Structure formats: structure tokens, C-alpha cells
């Protein structure tokens, strides 16, 4: 078992479905990284999500 305090994820702002999955898992959107990557030759922004140990609720 990993003894982590924080897990972080990033998703392209153009993929709302990925953001919904992270939010369903309990992740909180913490910010936007502007023009941080290039996807298919197009500059893109990313959303940063975080999940802290104290916020995690394991499935019943």
C-alpha cells in the first residue's frame, strides 16, 4: 500500500468527460495551466486536479 498524502491529475480543458470522471472520484479542480501543452499541433490548456488523503472516501 502506498502511503500518499496527495494525488494529482491533469486533463485537457477540451475534454469535459475526463474532468467529470476526476470530479466523480473526489478530485478538486485547483487551477488552470495556460497553454502548457501541444495536442495535434494545437496549443492547449490543462486543468489541475488534486485529491488529499483527508478528502478520500474509500468505496463501501
PDB file of N, CA and C in Angstrom:
ATOM      1  N   UNK A   1       0.835  -1.179   0.000  1.00  0.00           N
ATOM      2  CA  UNK A   1       0.000   0.000   0.000  1.00  0.00           C
ATOM      3  C   UNK A   1       0.886   1.250   0.000  1.00  0.00           C
ATOM      4  N   UNK A   2       0.502   2.225  -0.790  1.00  0.00           N
ATOM      5  CA  UNK A   2       1.247   3.475  -0.846  1.00  0.00           C
ATOM      6  C   UNK A   2       0.770   4.408   0.261  1.00  0.00           C
ATOM      7  N   UNK A   3       1.708   5.058   0.903  1.00  0.00           N
ATOM      8  CA  UNK A   3       1.389   5.977   1.991  1.00  0.00           C
ATOM      9  C   UNK A   3       1.420   7.410   1.442  1.00  0.00           C
ATOM     10  N   UNK A   4       0.452   7.727   0.578  1.00  0.00           N
ATOM     11  CA  UNK A   4       0.425   9.022  -0.092  1.00  0.00           C
ATOM     12  C   UNK A   4      -0.465  10.004   0.657  1.00  0.00           C
ATOM     13  N   UNK A   5      -0.094  11.263   0.598  1.00  0.00           N
ATOM     14  CA  UNK A   5      -0.942  12.313   1.162  1.00  0.00           C
ATOM     15  C   UNK A   5      -1.714  13.034   0.070  1.00  0.00           C
ATOM     16  N   UNK A   6      -1.189  12.998  -1.152  1.00  0.00           N
ATOM     17  CA  UNK A   6      -1.806  13.742  -2.248  1.00  0.00           C
ATOM     18  C   UNK A   6      -1.620  13.003  -3.565  1.00  0.00           C
ATOM     19  N   UNK A   7      -2.672  13.034  -4.377  1.00  0.00           N
ATOM     20  CA  UNK A   7      -2.612  12.520  -5.746  1.00  0.00           C
ATOM     21  C   UNK A   7      -3.024  13.686  -6.642  1.00  0.00           C
ATOM     22  N   UNK A   8      -2.310  13.870  -7.737  1.00  0.00           N
ATOM     23  CA  UNK A   8      -2.589  14.975  -8.653  1.00  0.00           C
ATOM     24  C   UNK A   8      -2.835  14.432 -10.049  1.00  0.00           C
ATOM     25  N   UNK A   9      -3.742  15.091 -10.770  1.00  0.00           N
ATOM     26  CA  UNK A   9      -4.049  14.713 -12.152  1.00  0.00           C
ATOM     27  C   UNK A   9      -4.199  15.976 -12.978  1.00  0.00           C
ATOM     28  N   UNK A  10      -3.930  15.852 -14.268  1.00  0.00           N
ATOM     29  CA  UNK A  10      -4.146  16.956 -15.200  1.00  0.00           C
ATOM     30  C   UNK A  10      -4.964  16.428 -16.366  1.00  0.00           C
ATOM     31  N   UNK A  11      -5.836  17.292 -16.902  1.00  0.00           N
ATOM     32  CA  UNK A  11      -6.625  16.920 -18.065  1.00  0.00           C
ATOM     33  C   UNK A  11      -6.765  18.122 -18.990  1.00  0.00           C
ATOM     34  N   UNK A  12      -6.854  17.850 -20.258  1.00  0.00           N
ATOM     35  CA  UNK A  12      -7.045  18.892 -21.267  1.00  0.00           C
ATOM     36  C   UNK A  12      -8.395  19.566 -21.017  1.00  0.00           C
ATOM     37  N   UNK A  13      -8.433  20.892 -21.066  1.00  0.00           N
ATOM     38  CA  UNK A  13      -9.678  21.618 -20.809  1.00  0.00           C
ATOM     39  C   UNK A  13     -10.746  21.336 -21.862  1.00  0.00           C
ATOM     40  N   UNK A  14     -10.345  20.759 -22.983  1.00  0.00           N
ATOM     41  CA  UNK A  14     -11.312  20.461 -24.051  1.00  0.00           C
ATOM     42  C   UNK A  14     -11.996  19.117 -23.856  1.00  0.00           C
ATOM     43  N   UNK A  15     -11.578  18.353 -22.853  1.00  0.00           N
ATOM     44  CA  UNK A  15     -12.190  17.036 -22.616  1.00  0.00           C
ATOM     45  C   UNK A  15     -12.966  17.055 -21.306  1.00  0.00           C
ATOM     46  N   UNK A  16     -14.176  17.574 -21.380  1.00  0.00           N
ATOM     47  CA  UNK A  16     -15.030  17.704 -20.197  1.00  0.00           C
ATOM     48  C   UNK A  16     -15.335  16.350 -19.564  1.00  0.00           C
ATOM     49  N   UNK A  17     -15.403  15.295 -20.362  1.00  0.00           N
ATOM     50  CA  UNK A  17     -15.703  13.963 -19.811  1.00  0.00           C
ATOM     51  C   UNK A  17     -14.613  13.521 -18.838  1.00  0.00           C
ATOM     52  N   UNK A  18     -13.368  13.801 -19.154  1.00  0.00           N
ATOM     53  CA  UNK A  18     -12.270  13.439 -18.253  1.00  0.00           C
ATOM     54  C   UNK A  18     -12.371  14.213 -16.942  1.00  0.00           C
ATOM     55  N   UNK A  19     -12.738  15.475 -17.038  1.00  0.00           N
ATOM     56  CA  UNK A  19     -12.901  16.296 -15.839  1.00  0.00           C
ATOM     57  C   UNK A  19     -14.026  15.731 -14.971  1.00  0.00           C
ATOM     58  N   UNK A  20     -15.128  15.305 -15.582  1.00  0.00           N
ATOM     59  CA  UNK A  20     -16.252  14.731 -14.829  1.00  0.00           C
ATOM     60  C   UNK A  20     -15.838  13.459 -14.099  1.00  0.00           C
ATOM     61  N   UNK A  21     -15.028  12.631 -14.735  1.00  0.00           N
ATOM     62  CA  UNK A  21     -14.556  11.398 -14.093  1.00  0.00           C
ATOM     63  C   UNK A  21     -13.736  11.734 -12.853  1.00  0.00           C
ATOM     64  N   UNK A  22     -12.809  12.664 -12.984  1.00  0.00           N
ATOM     65  CA  UNK A  22     -11.983  13.052 -11.837  1.00  0.00           C
ATOM     66  C   UNK A  22     -12.847  13.601 -10.703  1.00  0.00           C
ATOM     67  N   UNK A  23     -13.821  14.435 -11.041  1.00  0.00           N
ATOM     68  CA  UNK A  23     -14.690  15.016 -10.019  1.00  0.00           C
ATOM     69  C   UNK A  23     -15.548  13.948  -9.342  1.00  0.00           C
ATOM     70  N   UNK A  24     -16.004  12.952 -10.103  1.00  0.00           N
ATOM     71  CA  UNK A  24     -16.773  11.843  -9.511  1.00  0.00           C
ATOM     72  C   UNK A  24     -15.923  11.046  -8.526  1.00  0.00           C
ATOM     73  N   UNK A  25     -14.626  11.001  -8.774  1.00  0.00           N
ATOM     74  CA  UNK A  25     -13.705  10.281  -7.890  1.00  0.00           C
ATOM     75  C   UNK A  25     -13.324  11.106  -6.657  1.00  0.00           C
ATOM     76  N   UNK A  26     -13.763  12.363  -6.617  1.00  0.00           N
ATOM     77  CA  UNK A  26     -13.489  13.196  -5.464  1.00  0.00           C
ATOM     78  C   UNK A  26     -12.390  14.224  -5.652  1.00  0.00           C
ATOM     79  N   UNK A  27     -11.794  14.270  -6.833  1.00  0.00           N
ATOM     80  CA  UNK A  27     -10.747  15.251  -7.101  1.00  0.00           C
ATOM     81  C   UNK A  27     -11.341  16.658  -7.140  1.00  0.00           C
ATOM     82  N   UNK A  28     -10.540  17.639  -6.745  1.00  0.00           N
ATOM     83  CA  UNK A  28     -10.953  19.040  -6.734  1.00  0.00           C
ATOM     84  C   UNK A  28     -10.123  19.788  -7.767  1.00  0.00           C
ATOM     85  N   UNK A  29     -10.804  20.567  -8.617  1.00  0.00           N
ATOM     86  CA  UNK A  29     -10.066  21.369  -9.597  1.00  0.00           C
ATOM     87  C   UNK A  29      -9.362  22.492  -8.863  1.00  0.00           C
ATOM     88  N   UNK A  30      -8.048  22.571  -9.032  1.00  0.00           N
ATOM     89  CA  UNK A  30      -7.228  23.526  -8.295  1.00  0.00           C
ATOM     90  C   UNK A  30      -6.725  24.678  -9.150  1.00  0.00           C
ATOM     91  N   UNK A  31      -6.780  24.525 -10.450  1.00  0.00           N
ATOM     92  CA  UNK A  31      -6.293  25.619 -11.282  1.00  0.00           C
ATOM     93  C   UNK A  31      -6.171  25.241 -12.737  1.00  0.00           C
ATOM     94  N   UNK A  32      -5.721  26.193 -13.513  1.00  0.00           N
ATOM     95  CA  UNK A  32      -5.547  26.024 -14.953  1.00  0.00           C
ATOM     96  C   UNK A  32      -4.105  26.324 -15.321  1.00  0.00           C
ATOM     97  N   UNK A  33      -3.520  25.433 -16.077  1.00  0.00           N
ATOM     98  CA  UNK A  33      -2.195  25.669 -16.651  1.00  0.00           C
ATOM     99  C   UNK A  33      -2.430  26.163 -18.076  1.00  0.00           C
ATOM    100  N   UNK A  34      -2.145  27.421 -18.290  1.00  0.00           N
ATOM    101  CA  UNK A  34      -2.433  28.020 -19.587  1.00  0.00           C
ATOM    102  C   UNK A  34      -1.378  27.644 -20.621  1.00  0.00           C
ATOM    103  N   UNK A  35      -1.868  27.203 -21.776  1.00  0.00           N
ATOM    104  CA  UNK A  35      -1.012  26.869 -22.919  1.00  0.00           C
ATOM    105  C   UNK A  35       0.177  26.011 -22.513  1.00  0.00           C
ATOM    106  N   UNK A  36      -0.096  24.964 -21.756  1.00  0.00           N
ATOM    107  CA  UNK A  36       1.003  24.154 -21.221  1.00  0.00           C
ATOM    108  C   UNK A  36       1.374  22.963 -22.092  1.00  0.00           C
ATOM    109  N   UNK A  37       0.575  22.656 -23.101  1.00  0.00           N
ATOM    110  CA  UNK A  37       0.945  21.525 -23.954  1.00  0.00           C
ATOM    111  C   UNK A  37       0.456  21.749 -25.384  1.00  0.00           C
ATOM    112  N   UNK A  38       0.957  20.924 -26.266  1.00  0.00           N
ATOM    113  CA  UNK A  38       0.551  20.967 -27.665  1.00  0.00           C
ATOM    114  C   UNK A  38      -0.065  19.622 -28.007  1.00  0.00           C
ATOM    115  N   UNK A  39      -1.309  19.662 -28.485  1.00  0.00           N
ATOM    116  CA  UNK A  39      -2.033  18.447 -28.856  1.00  0.00           C
ATOM    117  C   UNK A  39      -2.375  18.553 -30.335  1.00  0.00           C
ATOM    118  N   UNK A  40      -1.860  17.609 -31.129  1.00  0.00           N
ATOM    119  CA  UNK A  40      -2.082  17.619 -32.580  1.00  0.00           C
ATOM    120  C   UNK A  40      -1.749  18.972 -33.206  1.00  0.00           C
ATOM    121  N   UNK A  41      -0.643  19.564 -32.770  1.00  0.00           N
ATOM    122  CA  UNK A  41      -0.183  20.822 -33.328  1.00  0.00           C
ATOM    123  C   UNK A  41      -0.912  22.053 -32.805  1.00  0.00           C
ATOM    124  N   UNK A  42      -1.844  21.873 -31.866  1.00  0.00           N
ATOM    125  CA  UNK A  42      -2.625  22.986 -31.319  1.00  0.00           C
ATOM    126  C   UNK A  42      -2.274  23.203 -29.852  1.00  0.00           C
ATOM    127  N   UNK A  43      -2.009  24.452 -29.488  1.00  0.00           N
ATOM    128  CA  UNK A  43      -1.696  24.778 -28.095  1.00  0.00           C
ATOM    129  C   UNK A  43      -2.959  24.588 -27.263  1.00  0.00           C
ATOM    130  N   UNK A  44      -2.785  23.986 -26.082  1.00  0.00           N
ATOM    131  CA  UNK A  44      -3.933  23.648 -25.254  1.00  0.00           C
ATOM    132  C   UNK A  44      -3.673  23.970 -23.789  1.00  0.00           C
ATOM    133  N   UNK A  45      -4.750  24.286 -23.063  1.00  0.00           N
ATOM    134  CA  UNK A  45      -4.690  24.485 -21.618  1.00  0.00           C
ATOM    135  C   UNK A  45      -4.996  23.169 -20.909  1.00  0.00           C
ATOM    136  N   UNK A  46      -4.576  23.069 -19.651  1.00  0.00           N
ATOM    137  CA  UNK A  46      -4.893  21.897 -18.825  1.00  0.00           C
ATOM    138  C   UNK A  46      -5.477  22.351 -17.497  1.00  0.00           C
ATOM    139  N   UNK A  47      -6.361  21.528 -16.961  1.00  0.00           N
ATOM    140  CA  UNK A  47      -6.853  21.731 -15.607  1.00  0.00           C
ATOM    141  C   UNK A  47      -6.050  20.835 -14.682  1.00  0.00           C
ATOM    142  N   UNK A  48      -5.712  21.340 -13.517  1.00  0.00           N
ATOM    143  CA  UNK A  48      -5.005  20.573 -12.495  1.00  0.00           C
ATOM    144  C   UNK A  48      -6.010  20.196 -11.416  1.00  0.00           C
ATOM    145  N   UNK A  49      -6.020  18.918 -11.055  1.00  0.00           N
ATOM    146  CA  UNK A  49      -6.898  18.391 -10.011  1.00  0.00           C
ATOM    147  C   UNK A  49      -6.055  17.784  -8.907  1.00  0.00           C
ATOM    148  N   UNK A  50      -6.539  17.868  -7.689  1.00  0.00           N
ATOM    149  CA  UNK A  50      -5.844  17.254  -6.567  1.00  0.00           C
ATOM    150  C   UNK A  50      -6.824  16.515  -5.668  1.00  0.00           C
ATOM    151  N   UNK A  51      -6.328  15.473  -5.019  1.00  0.00           N
ATOM    152  CA  UNK A  51      -7.111  14.710  -4.051  1.00  0.00           C
ATOM    153  C   UNK A  51      -6.211  14.464  -2.847  1.00  0.00           C
ATOM    154  N   UNK A  52      -6.632  14.972  -1.694  1.00  0.00           N
ATOM    155  CA  UNK A  52      -5.862  14.814  -0.465  1.00  0.00           C
ATOM    156  C   UNK A  52      -6.354  13.599   0.320  1.00  0.00           C
ATOM    157  N   UNK A  53      -5.450  13.007   1.072  1.00  0.00           N
ATOM    158  CA  UNK A  53      -5.795  11.833   1.881  1.00  0.00           C
ATOM    159  C   UNK A  53      -7.026  12.098   2.749  1.00  0.00           C
ATOM    160  N   UNK A  54      -7.086  13.270   3.385  1.00  0.00           N
ATOM    161  CA  UNK A  54      -8.186  13.564   4.302  1.00  0.00           C
ATOM    162  C   UNK A  54      -9.519  13.742   3.577  1.00  0.00           C
ATOM    163  N   UNK A  55      -9.484  13.932   2.249  1.00  0.00           N
ATOM    164  CA  UNK A  55     -10.705  14.075   1.469  1.00  0.00           C
ATOM    165  C   UNK A  55     -11.181  12.770   0.852  1.00  0.00           C
ATOM    166  N   UNK A  56     -10.318  11.769   0.825  1.00  0.00           N
ATOM    167  CA  UNK A  56     -10.621  10.487   0.184  1.00  0.00           C
ATOM    168  C   UNK A  56     -11.633   9.690   0.996  1.00  0.00           C
ATOM    169  N   UNK A  57     -12.629   9.183   0.306  1.00  0.00           N
ATOM    170  CA  UNK A  57     -13.605   8.289   0.915  1.00  0.00           C
ATOM    171  C   UNK A  57     -13.579   6.985   0.138  1.00  0.00           C
ATOM    172  N   UNK A  58     -13.064   5.964   0.762  1.00  0.00           N
ATOM    173  CA  UNK A  58     -12.959   4.666   0.105  1.00  0.00           C
ATOM    174  C   UNK A  58     -14.364   4.123  -0.154  1.00  0.00           C
ATOM    175  N   UNK A  59     -14.546   3.416  -1.275  1.00  0.00           N
ATOM    176  CA  UNK A  59     -15.855   2.831  -1.583  1.00  0.00           C
ATOM    177  C   UNK A  59     -16.268   1.849  -0.469  1.00  0.00           C
ATOM    178  N   UNK A  60     -17.556   1.832  -0.177  1.00  0.00           N
ATOM    179  CA  UNK A  60     -18.076   0.935   0.890  1.00  0.00           C
ATOM    180  C   UNK A  60     -18.084  -0.499   0.439  1.00  0.00           C
TER     181      UNK A  60
END
